């Protein structure tokens, strides 16, 4: 089998002093952090869509990427050939997982039957590549947004036939995810939302979305797929209002429609910022509600108002992510999927390695820094002291629910004024975090 990345061998850990751009400086997969190897804690995944299907095109220009293994067609032969290139890359990188949409790996056919056939052919190639390399499938999903049939959405479409087509497509995607040993399945509502309420029955659309997800869950049980379902918050793009706007909106939806026992959240950095939140906020909100399942690791450009999907190299960002992930004890069966793409100007195949190495090193550094902060109880002690008034006395009674408004009124009438507030020490804490970085 010919090499698609000639001259590049498996990426190894060489330590912080290495100047080899094709080596890890901080990601040592066997290094222990809070009792887990970095391999098992971080569970890195390479996304198929940006990494192997991205062309570098944008609204102002055609593609720029040099991909010698790809002939630029949507043929089945090209899709099968692409599998070899993908698994060579993932294996040389040393990532344990990959993720895909159904239409990433296999071309759309003229009919659903033809599309399913194409997917079956490529799935056999994927299965053989997994067995050959040991790379596993973190999650699969269905592309319910690219084809014109989904202009009004998929599960929330006003066209019942489109709903039915989407259901058939997701049924197949769950089945191939199961066949490939996928550990999760993602609901990614690319167009589940509306552009204008004048022509939208929001209640009906949300009811349909919930019915769709229950159907998917029921089918998974029928075929024996026990993997985790993930719901991915996604604001603004491409619809004006996405129903899955942020973690809070998704959680409210899952709770309202009785899906919390089956579905957790897949949180993406760039989506968090588009929703007006930080990634740490979305992670912590999900964690404390018991629904943090997995993450898509990327970042946006604060000067640009769209989903730029850049690789995460900001150590502050990765440290904040890992503070929450370590608090939860990890993400398994989820993981850290690099839903990120090289820039249009970074068009050579080797740039794929540079990008992923940088992201993997950044999260490894974040994990070790976060572990040190947790070990020294820097934040834990500050937070404990800040809320100490709830540990006994009237605060304890408030948390136990043993007092009412009339009790609290009597308490304050007798006391007169509250105890003085203490400083939040934000600047000091930011300085302390800087010391760890």
Protein backbone atom coordinates (compact mmCIF):
# COMPACT_ATOMS: atom_id res chain seq x y z
CA UNK A 1 0.00 0.00 0.00
CA UNK A 2 1.50 3.35 -1.08
CA UNK A 3 2.11 5.98 1.59
CA UNK A 4 -0.05 9.09 1.41
CA UNK A 5 2.15 10.99 3.87
CA UNK A 6 5.64 9.90 2.75
CA UNK A 7 8.57 10.91 4.89
CA UNK A 8 6.45 11.29 8.02
CA UNK A 9 6.75 8.57 10.64
CA UNK A 10 4.67 8.07 13.78
CA UNK A 11 4.61 11.21 15.93
CA UNK A 12 6.41 10.55 19.20
CA UNK A 13 6.72 12.37 22.52
CA UNK A 14 10.12 14.10 22.76
CA UNK A 15 9.54 16.47 25.68
CA UNK A 16 9.44 20.26 26.15
CA UNK A 17 13.02 20.81 25.00
CA UNK A 18 12.46 19.26 21.57
CA UNK A 19 12.46 21.57 18.56
CA UNK A 20 11.14 18.93 16.22
CA UNK A 21 7.86 20.26 14.77
CA UNK A 22 6.72 16.69 14.13
CA UNK A 23 6.95 15.61 17.77
CA UNK A 24 4.87 16.07 20.90
CA UNK A 25 6.38 18.39 23.49
CA UNK A 26 3.73 17.88 26.19
CA UNK A 27 1.45 15.00 25.16
CA UNK A 28 2.99 11.83 26.53
CA UNK A 29 0.12 9.33 26.18
CA UNK A 30 1.48 7.15 29.00
CA UNK A 31 1.92 9.99 31.51
CA UNK A 32 -0.41 9.80 34.51
CA UNK A 33 -2.60 12.76 35.46
CA UNK A 34 -4.91 12.24 38.43
CA UNK A 35 -4.54 8.49 38.12
CA UNK A 36 -5.30 8.25 34.40
CA UNK A 37 -2.94 8.13 31.44
CA UNK A 38 -3.27 11.13 29.17
CA UNK A 39 -4.36 8.71 26.46
CA UNK A 40 -7.34 7.57 28.54
CA UNK A 41 -8.09 10.97 30.04
CA UNK A 42 -8.09 12.99 26.82
CA UNK A 43 -9.39 10.36 24.38
CA UNK A 44 -8.38 12.38 21.31
CA UNK A 45 -10.37 12.07 18.11
CA UNK A 46 -9.74 13.30 14.55
CA UNK A 47 -12.77 14.59 12.67
CA UNK A 48 -13.26 13.23 9.16
CA UNK A 49 -15.05 16.26 7.71
CA UNK A 50 -12.56 19.10 8.18
CA UNK A 51 -9.44 16.94 8.08
CA UNK A 52 -10.18 14.76 5.06
CA UNK A 53 -13.03 16.53 3.29
CA UNK A 54 -12.14 20.19 3.80
CA UNK A 55 -11.01 21.90 0.61
CA UNK A 56 -10.09 25.33 1.92
CA UNK A 57 -12.88 27.01 -0.03
CA UNK A 58 -14.67 30.04 1.40
CA UNK A 59 -17.42 32.40 0.15
CA UNK A 60 -14.80 34.37 -1.77
CA UNK A 61 -12.70 31.66 -3.35
CA UNK A 62 -12.34 28.04 -4.40
CA UNK A 63 -10.43 25.33 -2.58
CA UNK A 64 -6.70 25.50 -1.97
CA UNK A 65 -5.86 22.21 -0.25
CA UNK A 66 -3.35 19.84 -1.78
CA UNK A 67 -4.64 16.32 -1.16
CA UNK A 68 -2.76 13.98 -3.54
CA UNK A 69 -4.87 10.95 -2.59
CA UNK A 70 -8.12 12.69 -3.53
CA UNK A 71 -9.15 13.07 -7.19
CA UNK A 72 -11.75 15.73 -6.37
CA UNK A 73 -14.74 13.61 -7.38
CA UNK A 74 -17.64 12.26 -5.35
CA UNK A 75 -17.06 8.75 -6.68
CA UNK A 76 -17.27 5.67 -4.51
CA UNK A 77 -13.74 4.65 -5.53
CA UNK A 78 -12.41 7.99 -4.31
CA UNK A 79 -14.25 7.59 -0.99
CA UNK A 80 -12.70 4.17 -0.43
CA UNK A 81 -9.24 5.43 -1.35
CA UNK A 82 -9.66 8.32 1.08
CA UNK A 83 -10.10 5.83 3.94
CA UNK A 84 -6.51 4.62 3.51
CA UNK A 85 -5.17 8.17 3.64
CA UNK A 86 -7.29 9.01 6.68
CA UNK A 87 -6.19 6.02 8.71
CA UNK A 88 -2.55 6.47 7.76
CA UNK A 89 -2.78 10.01 9.13
CA UNK A 90 -4.65 9.06 12.31
CA UNK A 91 -2.26 6.17 12.99
CA UNK A 92 0.87 8.26 12.45
CA UNK A 93 -0.58 10.97 14.68
CA UNK A 94 -1.31 8.44 17.42
CA UNK A 95 -4.91 9.54 18.02
CA UNK A 96 -7.02 6.65 19.34
CA UNK A 97 -10.32 7.76 17.76
CA UNK A 98 -12.02 9.38 14.78
CA UNK A 99 -15.52 10.80 14.12
CA UNK A 100 -17.62 11.18 10.97
CA UNK A 101 -20.88 12.26 9.37
CA UNK A 102 -22.36 9.67 7.04
CA UNK A 103 -21.90 11.91 3.98
CA UNK A 104 -18.28 12.65 4.93
CA UNK A 105 -17.23 9.10 4.35
CA UNK A 106 -19.55 8.05 1.52
CA UNK A 107 -21.09 10.00 -1.38
CA UNK A 108 -24.78 10.87 -1.57
CA UNK A 109 -26.58 8.77 -4.15
CA UNK A 110 -29.49 9.61 -6.42
CA UNK A 111 -31.82 7.77 -4.02
CA UNK A 112 -31.76 6.74 -0.37
CA UNK A 113 -31.16 3.15 -1.46
CA UNK A 114 -28.08 4.18 -3.46
CA UNK A 115 -26.79 6.35 -0.59
CA UNK A 116 -27.16 3.42 1.80
CA UNK A 117 -25.30 1.15 -0.62
CA UNK A 118 -22.44 3.64 -0.90
CA UNK A 119 -22.24 3.88 2.87
CA UNK A 120 -22.19 0.09 3.24
CA UNK A 121 -19.25 -0.18 0.84
CA UNK A 122 -17.20 2.45 2.65
CA UNK A 123 -18.11 1.06 6.08
CA UNK A 124 -16.44 -2.20 5.11
CA UNK A 125 -13.30 -0.25 4.23
CA UNK A 126 -13.53 1.64 7.54
CA UNK A 127 -13.97 -1.59 9.47
CA UNK A 128 -10.93 -3.14 7.81
CA UNK A 129 -8.88 0.00 8.52
CA UNK A 130 -9.95 -0.02 12.17
CA UNK A 131 -8.95 -3.65 12.54
CA UNK A 132 -5.64 -3.00 10.81
CA UNK A 133 -4.68 0.08 12.85
CA UNK A 134 -6.50 -0.22 16.17
CA UNK A 135 -8.09 3.21 15.68
CA UNK A 136 -11.66 3.28 17.03
CA UNK A 137 -14.81 5.25 16.29
CA UNK A 138 -15.68 7.80 19.00
CA UNK A 139 -18.98 8.76 17.40
CA UNK A 140 -20.95 8.83 14.21
CA UNK A 141 -23.64 11.21 13.04
CA UNK A 142 -25.75 12.04 10.00
CA UNK A 143 -25.44 15.09 7.76
CA UNK A 144 -28.97 16.52 7.88
CA UNK A 145 -28.05 19.99 6.68
CA UNK A 146 -26.12 20.06 3.38
CA UNK A 147 -28.66 18.69 0.89
CA UNK A 148 -31.35 21.14 -0.38
CA UNK A 149 -34.06 18.82 0.97
CA UNK A 150 -33.10 20.08 4.42
CA UNK A 151 -33.64 23.77 3.65
CA UNK A 152 -36.42 23.90 6.28
CA UNK A 153 -34.62 21.60 8.71
CA UNK A 154 -34.73 17.85 9.13
CA UNK A 155 -36.53 16.68 12.28
CA UNK A 156 -38.13 20.15 12.48
CA UNK A 157 -39.00 20.39 8.78
CA UNK A 158 -42.51 21.50 7.82
CA UNK A 159 -42.39 18.71 5.18
CA UNK A 160 -43.32 15.32 6.64
CA UNK A 161 -41.54 13.48 3.82
CA UNK A 162 -38.31 15.26 4.73
CA UNK A 163 -38.80 14.20 8.36
CA UNK A 164 -39.24 10.62 7.14
CA UNK A 165 -36.13 10.80 4.93
CA UNK A 166 -34.09 12.20 7.83
CA UNK A 167 -35.35 9.40 10.07
CA UNK A 168 -34.29 6.79 7.53
CA UNK A 169 -30.88 8.44 7.20
CA UNK A 170 -30.33 8.56 10.97
CA UNK A 171 -31.52 4.95 11.31
CA UNK A 172 -28.80 3.91 8.89
CA UNK A 173 -26.19 6.14 10.56
CA UNK A 174 -26.90 4.60 13.97
CA UNK A 175 -26.65 1.12 12.48
CA UNK A 176 -23.25 1.75 10.88
CA UNK A 177 -22.02 3.48 14.04
CA UNK A 178 -22.99 0.33 15.93
CA UNK A 179 -21.37 -1.91 13.30
CA UNK A 180 -18.12 0.04 13.61
CA UNK A 181 -18.10 -0.14 17.41
CA UNK A 182 -18.84 3.55 17.88
CA UNK A 183 -19.05 4.57 21.51
CA UNK A 184 -21.44 7.50 20.97
CA UNK A 185 -23.91 8.90 18.46
CA UNK A 186 -24.36 12.66 17.99
CA UNK A 187 -27.49 14.64 17.15
CA UNK A 188 -26.17 17.68 15.31
CA UNK A 189 -29.06 19.96 14.37
CA UNK A 190 -27.47 21.96 11.60
CA UNK A 191 -30.76 23.49 10.46
CA UNK A 192 -33.08 22.70 13.35
CA UNK A 193 -34.43 26.17 13.96
CA UNK A 194 -36.18 28.99 12.15
CA UNK A 195 -35.52 32.15 10.16
CA UNK A 196 -38.87 33.84 10.78
CA UNK A 197 -41.64 33.20 13.30
CA UNK A 198 -44.30 34.50 10.90
CA UNK A 199 -44.23 31.14 9.10
CA UNK A 200 -43.19 28.89 12.00
CA UNK A 201 -45.13 26.75 14.47
CA UNK A 202 -42.40 26.51 17.10
CA UNK A 203 -44.34 24.20 19.41
CA UNK A 204 -45.01 21.72 16.63
CA UNK A 205 -41.38 21.76 15.45
CA UNK A 206 -40.03 21.14 18.95
CA UNK A 207 -42.52 18.33 19.46
CA UNK A 208 -41.34 16.78 16.19
CA UNK A 209 -37.67 17.08 17.19
CA UNK A 210 -38.37 15.31 20.46
CA UNK A 211 -40.37 12.59 18.73
CA UNK A 212 -37.47 12.10 16.30
CA UNK A 213 -34.93 11.69 19.13
CA UNK A 214 -37.17 9.23 20.98
CA UNK A 215 -37.52 7.21 17.75
CA UNK A 216 -33.74 7.17 17.38
CA UNK A 217 -33.29 6.03 20.98
CA UNK A 218 -35.88 3.30 20.56
CA UNK A 219 -34.24 2.03 17.39
CA UNK A 220 -30.84 1.96 19.08
CA UNK A 221 -32.28 -0.25 21.82
CA UNK A 222 -33.87 -2.49 19.20
CA UNK A 223 -30.57 -3.20 17.45
CA UNK A 224 -28.56 -3.44 20.69
CA UNK A 225 -26.60 -0.18 20.38
CA UNK A 226 -25.79 0.87 23.95
CA UNK A 227 -23.60 3.83 23.09
CA UNK A 228 -24.16 7.27 24.54
CA UNK A 229 -26.34 9.74 22.63
CA UNK A 230 -25.02 13.29 22.44
CA UNK A 231 -26.89 16.52 21.62
CA UNK A 232 -24.68 19.36 20.36
CA UNK A 233 -25.56 22.99 21.16
CA UNK A 234 -25.18 25.22 18.10
CA UNK A 235 -26.33 28.86 17.96
CA UNK A 236 -26.94 31.21 15.02
CA UNK A 237 -25.41 29.34 12.10
CA UNK A 238 -26.98 28.69 9.72
CA UNK A 239 -30.48 29.59 10.95
CA UNK A 240 -31.42 32.82 12.72
CA UNK A 241 -32.54 30.94 15.82
CA UNK A 242 -31.35 27.42 16.49
CA UNK A 243 -33.44 25.34 18.90
CA UNK A 244 -30.18 23.89 20.27
CA UNK A 245 -28.81 27.39 21.01
CA UNK A 246 -26.68 26.59 24.07
CA UNK A 247 -26.30 24.04 26.87
CA UNK A 248 -29.16 25.55 28.88
CA UNK A 249 -31.56 25.44 25.92
CA UNK A 250 -30.60 21.84 25.11
CA UNK A 251 -30.93 20.77 28.73
CA UNK A 252 -34.35 22.39 29.02
CA UNK A 253 -35.44 20.58 25.85
CA UNK A 254 -34.15 17.20 27.05
CA UNK A 255 -35.79 17.59 30.44
CA UNK A 256 -39.10 18.82 29.03
CA UNK A 257 -39.37 15.90 26.62
CA UNK A 258 -38.15 13.10 28.89
CA UNK A 259 -34.81 12.48 27.16
CA UNK A 260 -32.39 13.11 30.03
CA UNK A 261 -31.97 9.42 30.80
CA UNK A 262 -30.57 8.76 27.30
CA UNK A 263 -28.92 11.92 25.97
CA UNK A 264 -25.97 14.03 27.15
CA UNK A 265 -24.32 17.06 25.55
CA UNK A 266 -21.38 17.47 23.19
CA UNK A 267 -19.99 20.96 23.84
CA UNK A 268 -17.99 22.89 21.24
CA UNK A 269 -15.85 25.93 22.03
CA UNK A 270 -16.72 27.97 18.95
CA UNK A 271 -20.42 27.32 19.53
CA UNK A 272 -20.10 28.46 23.15
CA UNK A 273 -18.65 31.80 22.12
CA UNK A 274 -21.24 32.29 19.37
CA UNK A 275 -23.88 31.85 22.09
CA UNK A 276 -22.24 34.57 24.16
CA UNK A 277 -20.67 32.20 26.68
CA UNK A 278 -17.19 30.96 27.51
CA UNK A 279 -16.35 27.32 26.96
CA UNK A 280 -15.74 26.96 30.69
CA UNK A 281 -19.27 28.23 31.37
CA UNK A 282 -20.87 25.72 28.98
CA UNK A 283 -18.76 22.87 30.36
CA UNK A 284 -19.45 23.70 34.00
CA UNK A 285 -23.17 24.22 33.41
CA UNK A 286 -23.35 20.84 31.68
CA UNK A 287 -21.21 19.10 34.30
CA UNK A 288 -23.21 20.33 37.29
CA UNK A 289 -26.43 19.17 35.58
CA UNK A 290 -24.91 15.74 34.91
CA UNK A 291 -25.05 16.02 31.11
CA UNK A 292 -21.44 16.72 30.06
CA UNK A 293 -20.74 13.89 27.64
CA UNK A 294 -18.03 14.95 25.19
CA UNK A 295 -16.42 18.01 23.62
CA UNK A 296 -15.49 19.35 20.20
CA UNK A 297 -12.13 21.05 20.64
CA UNK A 298 -11.57 24.18 18.59
CA UNK A 299 -11.66 27.94 19.00
CA UNK A 300 -13.03 30.94 17.17
CA UNK A 301 -11.49 34.26 16.24
CA UNK A 302 -12.84 37.00 18.49
CA UNK A 303 -12.49 39.49 15.64
CA UNK A 304 -14.75 37.42 13.39
CA UNK A 305 -18.39 36.70 14.06
CA UNK A 306 -18.73 33.19 12.70
CA UNK A 307 -17.73 29.61 13.29
CA UNK A 308 -14.06 29.65 12.20
CA UNK A 309 -13.21 26.26 13.75
CA UNK A 310 -9.55 26.98 14.43
CA UNK A 311 -7.28 24.58 16.30
CA UNK A 312 -7.08 25.21 20.07
CA UNK A 313 -3.62 26.43 21.04
CA UNK A 314 -4.57 28.83 23.86
CA UNK A 315 -3.29 27.31 27.11
CA UNK A 316 -5.70 29.41 29.19
CA UNK A 317 -8.58 27.88 27.23
CA UNK A 318 -7.37 24.30 27.54
CA UNK A 319 -6.60 24.75 31.26
CA UNK A 320 -10.13 26.05 31.87
CA UNK A 321 -11.57 23.10 29.94
CA UNK A 322 -9.51 20.60 31.89
CA UNK A 323 -10.40 22.12 35.27
CA UNK A 324 -14.00 21.11 34.56
CA UNK A 325 -13.21 17.80 32.87
CA UNK A 326 -10.96 16.72 35.77
CA UNK A 327 -13.64 17.77 38.26
CA UNK A 328 -15.96 15.35 36.48
CA UNK A 329 -13.33 12.61 36.42
CA UNK A 330 -12.96 12.57 32.61
CA UNK A 331 -15.25 12.34 29.60
CA UNK A 332 -15.47 8.62 28.84
CA UNK A 333 -17.24 7.30 26.86
CA UNK A 334 -16.95 10.73 25.22
CA UNK A 335 -13.67 12.37 24.31
CA UNK A 336 -11.92 15.41 22.88
CA UNK A 337 -12.67 15.60 19.17
CA UNK A 338 -10.72 18.13 17.10
CA UNK A 339 -13.58 19.70 15.17
CA UNK A 340 -11.07 22.09 13.67
CA UNK A 341 -9.64 22.85 10.26
CA UNK A 342 -6.33 24.15 9.02
CA UNK A 343 -6.43 27.65 7.58
CA UNK A 344 -6.99 28.15 3.86
CA UNK A 345 -3.37 29.23 3.52
CA UNK A 346 -2.08 26.08 5.29
CA UNK A 347 -2.70 23.88 2.29
CA UNK A 348 0.03 21.21 2.37
CA UNK A 349 -0.66 17.75 3.87
CA UNK A 350 2.02 18.19 6.53
CA UNK A 351 0.05 21.14 7.93
CA UNK A 352 -2.54 18.64 9.16
CA UNK A 353 0.11 17.19 11.45
CA UNK A 354 1.32 20.55 12.72
CA UNK A 355 -2.25 21.56 13.56
CA UNK A 356 -3.21 18.40 15.43
CA UNK A 357 0.11 18.21 17.29
CA UNK A 358 -0.44 21.75 18.51
CA UNK A 359 -3.96 21.00 19.72
CA UNK A 360 -2.97 17.75 21.41
CA UNK A 361 -0.03 19.41 23.16
CA UNK A 362 -2.22 22.32 24.27
CA UNK A 363 -4.77 20.05 25.92
CA UNK A 364 -2.03 17.94 27.51
CA UNK A 365 -0.52 21.10 29.01
CA UNK A 366 -3.96 22.21 30.12
CA UNK A 367 -4.53 18.86 31.83
CA UNK A 368 -1.27 19.01 33.75
CA UNK A 369 -1.73 22.64 34.77
CA UNK A 370 -5.31 22.03 35.86
CA UNK A 371 -4.20 19.00 37.88
CA UNK A 372 -1.58 21.11 39.67
CA UNK A 373 -4.16 23.79 40.48
CA UNK A 374 -6.51 21.14 41.84
CA UNK A 375 -3.72 19.43 43.79
CA UNK A 376 -2.88 22.69 45.56
CA UNK A 377 -6.58 23.44 46.18
CA UNK A 378 -6.04 27.02 45.01
CA UNK A 379 -9.59 27.59 43.78
CA UNK A 380 -11.25 25.10 46.10
CA UNK A 381 -10.12 26.95 49.25
CA UNK A 382 -11.15 30.35 47.91
CA UNK A 383 -14.62 29.11 46.93
CA UNK A 384 -15.08 27.28 50.23
CA UNK A 385 -14.22 30.43 52.19
CA UNK A 386 -16.40 32.62 49.94
CA UNK A 387 -19.53 30.58 50.70
CA UNK A 388 -18.68 29.82 54.35
CA UNK A 389 -21.75 31.73 55.58
CA UNK A 390 -23.89 28.86 54.23
CA UNK A 391 -22.01 26.20 56.22
CA UNK A 392 -23.78 26.95 59.50
CA UNK A 393 -26.26 29.30 61.09
CA UNK A 394 -28.91 30.92 58.94
CA UNK A 395 -27.13 29.98 55.71
CA UNK A 396 -27.25 26.30 56.58
CA UNK A 397 -30.96 26.59 57.34
CA UNK A 398 -31.52 28.25 53.93
CA UNK A 399 -29.79 25.39 52.11
CA UNK A 400 -31.69 22.78 54.13
CA UNK A 401 -34.98 24.46 53.26
CA UNK A 402 -35.94 24.75 56.93
CA UNK A 403 -36.71 28.50 56.89
CA UNK A 404 -39.24 30.65 55.04
CA UNK A 405 -39.51 34.34 54.12
CA UNK A 406 -41.14 35.13 57.48
CA UNK A 407 -38.23 33.45 59.32
CA UNK A 408 -35.66 35.35 57.27
CA UNK A 409 -37.51 38.61 57.85
CA UNK A 410 -37.52 38.02 61.62
CA UNK A 411 -33.81 37.13 61.49
CA UNK A 412 -32.87 40.36 59.72
CA UNK A 413 -35.20 42.53 61.84
CA UNK A 414 -33.37 41.27 64.90
CA UNK A 415 -29.88 41.49 63.35
CA UNK A 416 -30.40 44.83 61.65
CA UNK A 417 -27.82 44.57 58.85
CA UNK A 418 -25.99 41.81 57.00
CA UNK A 419 -22.42 40.90 57.79
CA UNK A 420 -19.96 42.83 55.56
CA UNK A 421 -19.14 41.31 52.17
CA UNK A 422 -15.65 39.99 51.50
CA UNK A 423 -13.60 40.66 48.38
CA UNK A 424 -13.95 38.35 45.41
CA UNK A 425 -10.16 38.57 44.80
CA UNK A 426 -10.62 38.09 41.04
CA UNK A 427 -7.37 39.84 40.12
CA UNK A 428 -5.41 37.84 42.68
CA UNK A 429 -6.83 34.59 41.38
CA UNK A 430 -6.01 35.53 37.78
CA UNK A 431 -2.44 36.23 38.91
CA UNK A 432 -2.25 32.88 40.68
CA UNK A 433 -3.50 31.04 37.57
CA UNK A 434 -0.85 32.89 35.56
CA UNK A 435 1.79 31.55 37.97
CA UNK A 436 0.75 27.98 37.15
CA UNK A 437 0.88 28.65 33.42
